[in-house]
Amino acid sequence: MIDWLNQSITFAGIATTVLEILGFLTGAICVYLNTRQNVLGWFFGIINAILYVIVFWQVKLYADMSLQGYYFFTSIYGWWMWLYGGKSHDGISVSNTPTKLYVIFVIIFVAGTLGWGFLLGRFTNASLTYADSALTIASLIGQWMMVRKYLQNWIVWIVADACYTVMYFYKDLYLTAILYAVFLALAAMGYVQWKRDLRKPESAAI
C-alpha cells in the first residue's frame, strides 16, 4: 500500500506522488469547508492528518509529522465542539479571541519554538529545526483557536501558511507548497467570511 502511495507521477507538470496528491485534495477540501463552518471539514482533516504523517516522516520534518497527530485529535474535538459545544450544547458561534489569551499564546510560541527546536536539533536528524518548530507551534495555536471558532485563528493561519509555502518549496514538496498557497488564499477568505458572521448577531440585535 505504501509503495503504491509513493509511486512517482507527474501531476499538472509537477513531479509528485499519489500520497501527496491525496494530501493536497483532502487538505484543500478540509480548509474550504472550515471557512464555510461546515463540520464535515473536520472529517477531511482527520484523513489529511493521517496522510501527512507519512509525507513528513519521509522528508524528515518531524515537528510537522508530530503536528499531524495533534490535528487528528483536535479534528475529532472540533467536530464535537461545532456540533455540541457551548452552554446550550447546540454548537458554538464565531467570536473574538479573549484578550487575556494573547499573552499565553506568545509564551507558548516562544517557549515551544525554542524547546522543540533544541530537542529536534540535539536528538534527531530533522531538517530546518527551529523554522519547522516555530511553524508547528503557530499551527498548534491556530488549530486550537479554530476549534473554539475564534475569528483571529485565520490571521495566524495566513502568516503560517505563507511561511510554510516557502519551506515546502525549499524541501522540494512542490505540490504541498502549492497546497499551502491555496491554504493562504482560503485563510484570507475564511477571515472575511467569519468576520461577516461575527457581525450578524450585532446586526440582528439592532
Protein backbone atom coordinates (compact mmCIF):
# COMPACT_ATOMS: atom_id res chain seq x y z
CA MET A 1 0.00 0.00 0.00
CA ILE A 2 2.78 2.42 0.96
CA ASP A 3 4.67 1.59 -2.24
CA TRP A 4 1.58 2.48 -4.30
CA LEU A 5 1.08 5.74 -2.40
CA ASN A 6 4.72 6.66 -3.00
CA GLN A 7 4.57 5.92 -6.71
CA SER A 8 6.14 8.85 -8.60
CA ILE A 9 3.83 10.53 -11.08
CA THR A 10 3.51 13.88 -12.81
CA PHE A 11 0.51 15.99 -11.82
CA ALA A 12 -0.11 19.31 -13.58
CA GLY A 13 3.51 19.26 -14.73
CA ILE A 14 4.82 18.71 -11.18
CA ALA A 15 6.70 15.59 -10.09
CA THR A 16 4.87 14.21 -7.05
CA THR A 17 3.36 11.05 -5.54
CA VAL A 18 -0.14 9.61 -5.13
CA LEU A 19 0.25 10.22 -1.39
CA GLU A 20 0.95 13.93 -1.83
CA ILE A 21 -1.95 14.31 -4.29
CA LEU A 22 -4.37 12.73 -1.80
CA GLY A 23 -2.97 15.01 0.91
CA PHE A 24 -3.45 18.00 -1.39
CA LEU A 25 -7.09 17.16 -2.14
CA THR A 26 -8.17 16.29 1.41
CA GLY A 27 -6.36 19.34 2.82
CA ALA A 28 -7.95 21.76 0.37
CA ILE A 29 -11.43 20.31 0.99
CA CYS A 30 -10.88 20.45 4.76
CA VAL A 31 -9.89 24.12 4.87
CA TYR A 32 -12.56 25.19 2.39
CA LEU A 33 -15.29 23.52 4.47
CA ASN A 34 -13.86 25.12 7.62
CA THR A 35 -14.18 28.56 6.03
CA ARG A 36 -17.86 27.70 5.48
CA GLN A 37 -18.19 26.44 9.09
CA ASN A 38 -19.18 23.03 7.74
CA VAL A 39 -18.43 20.28 10.29
CA LEU A 40 -17.52 17.84 7.51
CA GLY A 41 -14.29 19.79 7.23
CA TRP A 42 -13.14 18.02 10.37
CA PHE A 43 -13.67 14.61 8.73
CA PHE A 44 -11.37 15.54 5.86
CA GLY A 45 -8.96 16.99 8.43
CA ILE A 46 -8.68 13.57 10.06
CA ILE A 47 -7.90 11.86 6.75
CA ASN A 48 -5.44 14.60 5.80
CA ALA A 49 -3.56 14.24 9.09
CA ILE A 50 -3.05 10.51 8.55
CA LEU A 51 -1.72 11.05 5.03
CA TYR A 52 0.70 13.80 6.01
CA VAL A 53 2.20 11.82 8.89
CA ILE A 54 3.69 9.63 6.17
CA VAL A 55 4.68 12.55 3.91
CA PHE A 56 6.57 14.45 6.61
CA TRP A 57 8.21 11.34 8.05
CA GLN A 58 9.73 10.65 4.65
CA VAL A 59 11.28 14.14 4.33
CA LYS A 60 12.40 14.30 7.99
CA LEU A 61 10.15 17.18 9.03
CA TYR A 62 9.47 15.57 12.39
CA ALA A 63 7.89 18.60 14.04
CA ASP A 64 5.35 18.75 11.22
CA MET A 65 4.84 14.99 11.48
CA SER A 66 4.02 15.22 15.20
CA LEU A 67 1.71 18.12 14.42
CA GLN A 68 -0.47 15.80 12.35
CA GLY A 69 -1.22 13.74 15.47
CA TYR A 70 -2.45 16.91 17.13
CA TYR A 71 -4.56 17.71 14.07
CA PHE A 72 -6.06 14.22 14.20
CA PHE A 73 -7.31 14.56 17.78
CA THR A 74 -8.30 18.23 17.57
CA SER A 75 -10.30 17.46 14.43
CA ILE A 76 -12.35 14.99 16.46
CA TYR A 77 -12.71 17.55 19.26
CA GLY A 78 -13.54 20.34 16.79
CA TRP A 79 -16.21 18.20 15.17
CA TRP A 80 -17.84 17.73 18.58
CA MET A 81 -17.46 21.38 19.62
CA TRP A 82 -19.01 22.75 16.44
CA LEU A 83 -21.97 20.42 16.81
CA TYR A 84 -22.49 20.20 20.57
CA GLY A 85 -20.28 22.81 22.27
CA GLY A 86 -21.42 25.91 24.11
CA LYS A 87 -23.61 26.40 27.15
CA SER A 88 -26.73 25.11 25.41
CA HIS A 89 -24.82 22.27 23.70
CA ASP A 90 -26.08 23.23 20.25
CA GLY A 91 -22.73 24.32 18.81
CA ILE A 92 -20.55 27.41 19.13
CA SER A 93 -20.56 30.67 17.17
CA VAL A 94 -17.74 32.85 15.85
CA SER A 95 -16.27 35.17 18.47
CA ASN A 96 -13.21 37.36 19.03
CA THR A 97 -10.24 35.86 20.84
CA PRO A 98 -10.25 36.88 24.55
CA THR A 99 -7.52 39.46 25.10
CA LYS A 100 -6.02 37.57 28.05
CA LEU A 101 -5.16 34.64 25.79
CA TYR A 102 -2.69 36.60 23.67
CA VAL A 103 -0.06 36.69 26.43
CA ILE A 104 -0.46 32.94 26.90
CA PHE A 105 -0.11 32.36 23.14
CA VAL A 106 3.13 34.40 23.00
CA ILE A 107 4.64 32.46 25.92
CA ILE A 108 3.66 29.13 24.35
CA PHE A 109 5.05 30.19 20.98
CA VAL A 110 8.45 31.33 22.26
CA ALA A 111 8.95 28.50 24.76
CA GLY A 112 7.64 25.86 22.39
CA THR A 113 9.77 27.01 19.46
CA LEU A 114 13.00 27.15 21.48
CA GLY A 115 12.35 23.92 23.36
CA TRP A 116 11.13 21.81 20.44
CA GLY A 117 13.77 23.22 18.10
CA PHE A 118 16.53 22.36 20.57
CA LEU A 119 15.28 18.80 21.06
CA LEU A 120 14.99 18.18 17.33
CA GLY A 121 18.44 19.57 16.66
CA ARG A 122 20.05 17.64 19.52
CA PHE A 123 18.42 14.23 19.23
CA THR A 124 17.22 13.82 15.61
CA ASN A 125 18.38 14.37 12.06
CA ALA A 126 15.49 16.76 11.48
CA SER A 127 15.71 19.46 8.82
CA LEU A 128 15.14 23.21 9.45
CA THR A 129 14.67 22.53 13.16
CA TYR A 130 13.78 25.98 14.51
CA ALA A 131 11.81 27.17 11.48
CA ASP A 132 9.83 23.92 11.44
CA SER A 133 9.27 24.16 15.20
CA ALA A 134 8.09 27.78 15.05
CA LEU A 135 5.55 26.96 12.36
CA THR A 136 4.47 23.86 14.26
CA ILE A 137 3.77 25.81 17.46
CA ALA A 138 1.96 28.53 15.49
CA SER A 139 -0.17 25.82 13.90
CA LEU A 140 -0.96 24.30 17.30
CA ILE A 141 -2.25 27.68 18.44
CA GLY A 142 -4.14 28.37 15.20
CA GLN A 143 -5.82 24.97 15.23
CA TRP A 144 -6.98 25.36 18.84
CA MET A 145 -8.35 28.82 18.03
CA MET A 146 -10.23 27.37 15.06
CA VAL A 147 -11.77 24.66 17.23
CA ARG A 148 -13.06 27.43 19.51
CA LYS A 149 -14.20 29.46 16.48
CA TYR A 150 -12.06 32.46 17.38
CA LEU A 151 -12.00 34.80 14.37
CA GLN A 152 -8.30 35.61 14.68
CA ASN A 153 -7.32 31.99 14.01
CA TRP A 154 -7.32 32.95 10.34
CA ILE A 155 -4.67 35.64 10.92
CA VAL A 156 -2.42 33.01 12.50
CA TRP A 157 -3.01 30.72 9.52
CA ILE A 158 -2.32 33.47 6.98
CA VAL A 159 1.15 34.06 8.44
CA ALA A 160 1.89 30.36 8.98
CA ASP A 161 0.70 29.28 5.53
CA ALA A 162 2.83 31.93 3.82
CA CYS A 163 5.91 30.64 5.65
CA TYR A 164 5.01 27.00 5.05
CA THR A 165 4.71 27.66 1.32
CA VAL A 166 8.33 28.84 1.21
CA MET A 167 9.58 25.96 3.38
CA TYR A 168 7.92 23.22 1.33
CA PHE A 169 9.25 24.64 -1.93
CA TYR A 170 12.68 24.53 -0.34
CA LYS A 171 12.12 20.85 0.60
CA ASP A 172 11.01 20.03 -2.97
CA LEU A 173 7.45 19.26 -1.84
CA TYR A 174 6.12 21.34 -4.69
CA LEU A 175 2.52 20.14 -4.63
CA THR A 176 2.36 20.59 -0.86
CA ALA A 177 3.82 24.10 -1.28
CA ILE A 178 1.07 24.90 -3.78
CA LEU A 179 -1.46 23.45 -1.35
CA TYR A 180 -0.28 25.85 1.35
CA ALA A 181 -0.51 28.73 -1.08
CA VAL A 182 -4.13 27.63 -1.59
CA PHE A 183 -4.50 27.47 2.21
CA LEU A 184 -3.21 31.04 2.36
CA ALA A 185 -5.93 32.23 -0.03
CA LEU A 186 -8.58 30.21 1.82
CA ALA A 187 -7.44 31.63 5.17
CA ALA A 188 -7.94 35.15 3.85
CA MET A 189 -11.37 34.13 2.58
CA GLY A 190 -12.16 32.47 5.90
CA TYR A 191 -11.30 35.64 7.82
CA VAL A 192 -13.64 37.72 5.68
CA GLN A 193 -16.45 35.17 5.93
CA TRP A 194 -16.14 34.62 9.68
CA LYS A 195 -15.89 38.36 10.35
CA ARG A 196 -19.15 38.81 8.46
CA ASP A 197 -20.74 36.05 10.54
CA LEU A 198 -19.40 37.65 13.74
CA ARG A 199 -21.32 40.82 12.94
CA LYS A 200 -24.64 39.08 12.25
CA PRO A 201 -25.77 38.81 15.89
CA GLU A 202 -24.99 42.51 16.39
CA SER A 203 -27.00 43.48 13.32
CA ALA A 204 -29.87 41.28 14.42
CA ALA A 205 -29.86 42.88 17.86
CA ILE A 206 -30.03 46.36 16.36
